[in-house]
């Protein structure tokens, strides 16, 4: 087994050159569009949502609307791309970053760590999607590749620095990566919010 420690997944010269939303933020102002928090997803039927989906692969197309995972929605909220409304007790409430983060953290374990890794990868120009059906947190596509054009290259697991990962857990993650024909990537988030990536591959002796 070979473990490669890397601060970036590809060379620093390529960072920001892909299809990620972070690469186009500089100098561009876009009016946020409306979304609604419904259970554990955020939805929008706005034209801007569909255009963002087609351009940068944020969300999933479901009939006539776009559905976002909570981590995707928080990222877009942090970028000022969306407004999130939550309905309850007969009234609608606008959620800011802090309130959305607090609410999402109650719904999904390890949410903030997952958000930090998602944000870091998106800012580097990678398309990141949830990978629940694979038993993983995220799947990550090569730069310039959109879902549907090719398969994801990595299965990504975010963990906090200092957390414990048993050999059984580690072996299970390797099996998931091997069975899906993807590389295993573990993103370790330190106390300052920096992410170090470990890419694991198996080699025959």
Protein backbone atom coordinates (compact mmCIF):
# COMPACT_ATOMS: atom_id res chain seq x y z
CA UNK A 1 0.00 0.00 0.00
CA UNK A 2 1.29 3.46 -0.90
CA UNK A 3 0.21 6.65 0.85
CA UNK A 4 0.93 10.00 -0.80
CA UNK A 5 0.62 13.16 1.27
CA UNK A 6 -0.20 16.20 -0.78
CA UNK A 7 -1.46 19.69 -0.05
CA UNK A 8 -3.00 19.81 -3.49
CA UNK A 9 -4.33 16.98 -5.60
CA UNK A 10 -2.75 18.29 -8.79
CA UNK A 11 0.07 20.74 -9.41
CA UNK A 12 -0.42 24.24 -7.95
CA UNK A 13 -0.08 25.74 -11.43
CA UNK A 14 -3.40 24.15 -12.39
CA UNK A 15 -5.36 25.30 -9.36
CA UNK A 16 -8.38 27.38 -10.31
CA UNK A 17 -8.29 26.50 -14.01
CA UNK A 18 -11.13 23.99 -13.99
CA UNK A 19 -14.91 24.11 -13.96
CA UNK A 20 -15.26 24.92 -10.27
CA UNK A 21 -17.22 27.94 -9.10
CA UNK A 22 -14.27 29.35 -7.17
CA UNK A 23 -12.27 30.03 -10.33
CA UNK A 24 -14.72 32.61 -11.63
CA UNK A 25 -15.57 34.56 -8.53
CA UNK A 26 -12.99 37.32 -8.92
CA UNK A 27 -14.42 40.56 -10.24
CA UNK A 28 -17.84 39.07 -10.92
CA UNK A 29 -20.99 40.04 -9.03
CA UNK A 30 -24.11 37.96 -9.40
CA UNK A 31 -27.46 38.59 -7.76
CA UNK A 32 -28.36 35.69 -5.45
CA UNK A 33 -31.34 33.58 -6.45
CA UNK A 34 -34.00 32.11 -4.16
CA UNK A 35 -33.88 28.61 -2.73
CA UNK A 36 -35.86 26.79 -0.05
CA UNK A 37 -34.73 24.37 2.64
CA UNK A 38 -36.89 21.25 2.51
CA UNK A 39 -35.83 18.59 5.00
CA UNK A 40 -32.23 17.65 4.19
CA UNK A 41 -32.09 19.27 0.76
CA UNK A 42 -32.29 22.76 -0.68
CA UNK A 43 -34.35 23.29 -3.84
CA UNK A 44 -34.84 26.00 -6.44
CA UNK A 45 -36.87 26.42 -9.61
CA UNK A 46 -35.14 29.66 -10.58
CA UNK A 47 -33.64 30.02 -14.05
CA UNK A 48 -30.35 31.06 -12.46
CA UNK A 49 -30.22 27.74 -10.62
CA UNK A 50 -30.58 25.80 -13.86
CA UNK A 51 -27.94 27.93 -15.57
CA UNK A 52 -25.51 27.38 -12.68
CA UNK A 53 -26.19 23.64 -12.86
CA UNK A 54 -25.40 23.57 -16.58
CA UNK A 55 -22.28 25.72 -16.25
CA UNK A 56 -20.69 24.51 -13.02
CA UNK A 57 -22.55 21.30 -12.09
CA UNK A 58 -23.95 22.55 -8.81
CA UNK A 59 -26.95 20.52 -7.66
CA UNK A 60 -28.92 17.75 -9.33
CA UNK A 61 -31.72 18.18 -11.84
CA UNK A 62 -34.99 16.72 -10.51
CA UNK A 63 -37.95 17.27 -12.83
CA UNK A 64 -38.32 21.06 -13.13
CA UNK A 65 -36.09 22.11 -10.26
CA UNK A 66 -32.54 21.88 -8.95
CA UNK A 67 -31.80 20.05 -5.70
CA UNK A 68 -28.73 20.89 -3.63
CA UNK A 69 -27.13 18.91 -0.86
CA UNK A 70 -26.73 20.85 2.37
CA UNK A 71 -22.99 21.22 1.88
CA UNK A 72 -23.46 22.51 -1.68
CA UNK A 73 -26.05 25.00 -0.49
CA UNK A 74 -23.82 26.30 2.31
CA UNK A 75 -20.98 26.78 -0.16
CA UNK A 76 -23.19 28.75 -2.55
CA UNK A 77 -24.58 30.74 0.38
CA UNK A 78 -21.03 31.61 1.47
CA UNK A 79 -20.31 32.83 -2.07
CA UNK A 80 -23.43 35.00 -2.14
CA UNK A 81 -24.94 32.99 -4.99
CA UNK A 82 -28.15 31.92 -3.25
CA UNK A 83 -30.65 32.99 -0.58
CA UNK A 84 -32.05 30.19 1.57
CA UNK A 85 -35.52 30.38 3.09
CA UNK A 86 -36.87 28.00 5.71
CA UNK A 87 -40.58 27.56 6.39
CA UNK A 88 -41.97 26.75 9.80
CA UNK A 89 -44.85 27.69 12.10
CA UNK A 90 -46.65 29.40 9.27
CA UNK A 91 -43.86 31.82 8.40
CA UNK A 92 -40.83 31.95 6.13
CA UNK A 93 -37.40 32.77 7.55
CA UNK A 94 -34.25 33.74 5.65
CA UNK A 95 -31.20 31.79 6.83
CA UNK A 96 -27.78 33.41 6.95
CA UNK A 97 -24.52 31.45 6.88
CA UNK A 98 -24.33 30.91 10.64
CA UNK A 99 -27.94 29.80 11.09
CA UNK A 100 -27.79 27.50 8.07
CA UNK A 101 -24.54 25.95 9.31
CA UNK A 102 -26.01 25.41 12.77
CA UNK A 103 -29.17 23.81 11.38
CA UNK A 104 -27.28 21.60 8.91
CA UNK A 105 -24.88 20.42 11.62
CA UNK A 106 -27.86 19.01 13.51
CA UNK A 107 -29.03 17.12 10.43
CA UNK A 108 -25.74 15.62 9.22
CA UNK A 109 -22.80 14.31 11.28
CA UNK A 110 -19.34 15.74 10.68
CA UNK A 111 -20.98 18.50 8.63
CA UNK A 112 -18.53 21.35 9.21
CA UNK A 113 -15.49 19.18 8.42
CA UNK A 114 -17.20 17.98 5.25
CA UNK A 115 -18.00 21.57 4.30
CA UNK A 116 -14.38 22.70 4.75
CA UNK A 117 -13.13 19.94 2.44
CA UNK A 118 -15.91 20.53 -0.10
CA UNK A 119 -15.12 24.26 -0.15
CA UNK A 120 -11.40 23.64 -0.53
CA UNK A 121 -11.86 21.27 -3.47
CA UNK A 122 -14.39 23.52 -5.21
CA UNK A 123 -12.15 26.54 -4.78
CA UNK A 124 -9.36 24.58 -6.44
CA UNK A 125 -11.56 23.99 -9.47
CA UNK A 126 -12.79 20.42 -8.90
CA UNK A 127 -16.38 19.27 -9.24
CA UNK A 128 -17.44 17.49 -6.06
CA UNK A 129 -20.60 15.43 -5.67
CA UNK A 130 -22.05 13.40 -2.83
CA UNK A 131 -21.32 9.67 -2.93
CA UNK A 132 -23.81 8.19 -0.49
CA UNK A 133 -24.73 5.37 -2.85
CA UNK A 134 -21.07 4.29 -2.76
CA UNK A 135 -20.90 4.49 1.02
CA UNK A 136 -18.60 7.52 0.88
CA UNK A 137 -18.87 11.26 1.51
CA UNK A 138 -17.88 12.65 -1.87
CA UNK A 139 -16.78 11.70 -5.35
CA UNK A 140 -14.39 14.07 -7.11
CA UNK A 141 -13.93 14.59 -10.84
CA UNK A 142 -10.77 15.52 -12.68
CA UNK A 143 -10.50 19.18 -13.61
CA UNK A 144 -12.43 20.01 -16.75
CA UNK A 145 -14.61 16.89 -16.40
CA UNK A 146 -18.31 17.14 -15.60
CA UNK A 147 -20.57 14.35 -14.31
CA UNK A 148 -21.87 12.41 -17.29
CA UNK A 149 -18.75 13.09 -19.36
CA UNK A 150 -16.61 10.60 -17.46
CA UNK A 151 -16.50 8.80 -14.13
CA UNK A 152 -15.24 10.44 -10.97
CA UNK A 153 -11.54 9.84 -10.28
CA UNK A 154 -11.57 9.87 -6.48
CA UNK A 155 -13.68 8.78 -3.54
CA UNK A 156 -13.12 11.41 -0.84
CA UNK A 157 -13.49 11.07 2.93
CA UNK A 158 -13.10 14.23 5.09
CA UNK A 159 -11.78 13.73 8.64
CA UNK A 160 -10.74 16.07 11.44
CA UNK A 161 -7.10 16.16 12.53
CA UNK A 162 -6.72 14.07 15.67
CA UNK A 163 -9.75 11.88 14.97
CA UNK A 164 -9.33 8.12 15.11
CA UNK A 165 -9.56 5.90 12.05
CA UNK A 166 -9.39 2.18 12.80
CA UNK A 167 -7.78 -0.28 10.43
CA UNK A 168 -11.21 -1.79 9.90
CA UNK A 169 -12.59 1.59 8.82
CA UNK A 170 -9.55 2.22 6.65
CA UNK A 171 -9.86 -1.18 4.98
CA UNK A 172 -13.58 -0.59 4.38
CA UNK A 173 -12.84 2.73 2.67
CA UNK A 174 -10.23 1.04 0.49
CA UNK A 175 -12.73 -1.63 -0.50
CA UNK A 176 -15.25 1.04 -1.53
CA UNK A 177 -12.64 2.78 -3.68
CA UNK A 178 -11.50 -0.50 -5.23
CA UNK A 179 -15.04 -1.73 -5.95
CA UNK A 180 -15.96 1.56 -7.65
CA UNK A 181 -12.65 1.70 -9.58
CA UNK A 182 -11.72 5.01 -8.02
CA UNK A 183 -8.75 6.30 -6.05
CA UNK A 184 -9.07 6.79 -2.31
CA UNK A 185 -8.52 10.33 -1.06
CA UNK A 186 -8.66 11.34 2.60
CA UNK A 187 -8.89 15.05 3.41
CA UNK A 188 -7.60 15.92 6.89
CA UNK A 189 -8.80 19.25 8.30
CA UNK A 190 -6.60 20.87 10.95
CA UNK A 191 -7.61 23.34 13.66
CA UNK A 192 -6.97 26.30 11.36
CA UNK A 193 -9.23 24.95 8.62
CA UNK A 194 -6.39 23.94 6.29
CA UNK A 195 -6.76 20.66 4.43
CA UNK A 196 -4.06 18.08 3.72
CA UNK A 197 -4.90 15.29 1.29
CA UNK A 198 -3.66 11.72 1.46
CA UNK A 199 -4.07 9.66 -1.69
CA UNK A 200 -3.91 5.92 -1.05
CA UNK A 201 -3.15 3.35 -3.70
CA UNK A 202 -2.34 -0.35 -3.56
CA UNK A 203 0.78 -1.77 -5.18
CA UNK A 204 1.81 -5.37 -5.63
CA UNK A 205 5.09 -6.22 -3.85
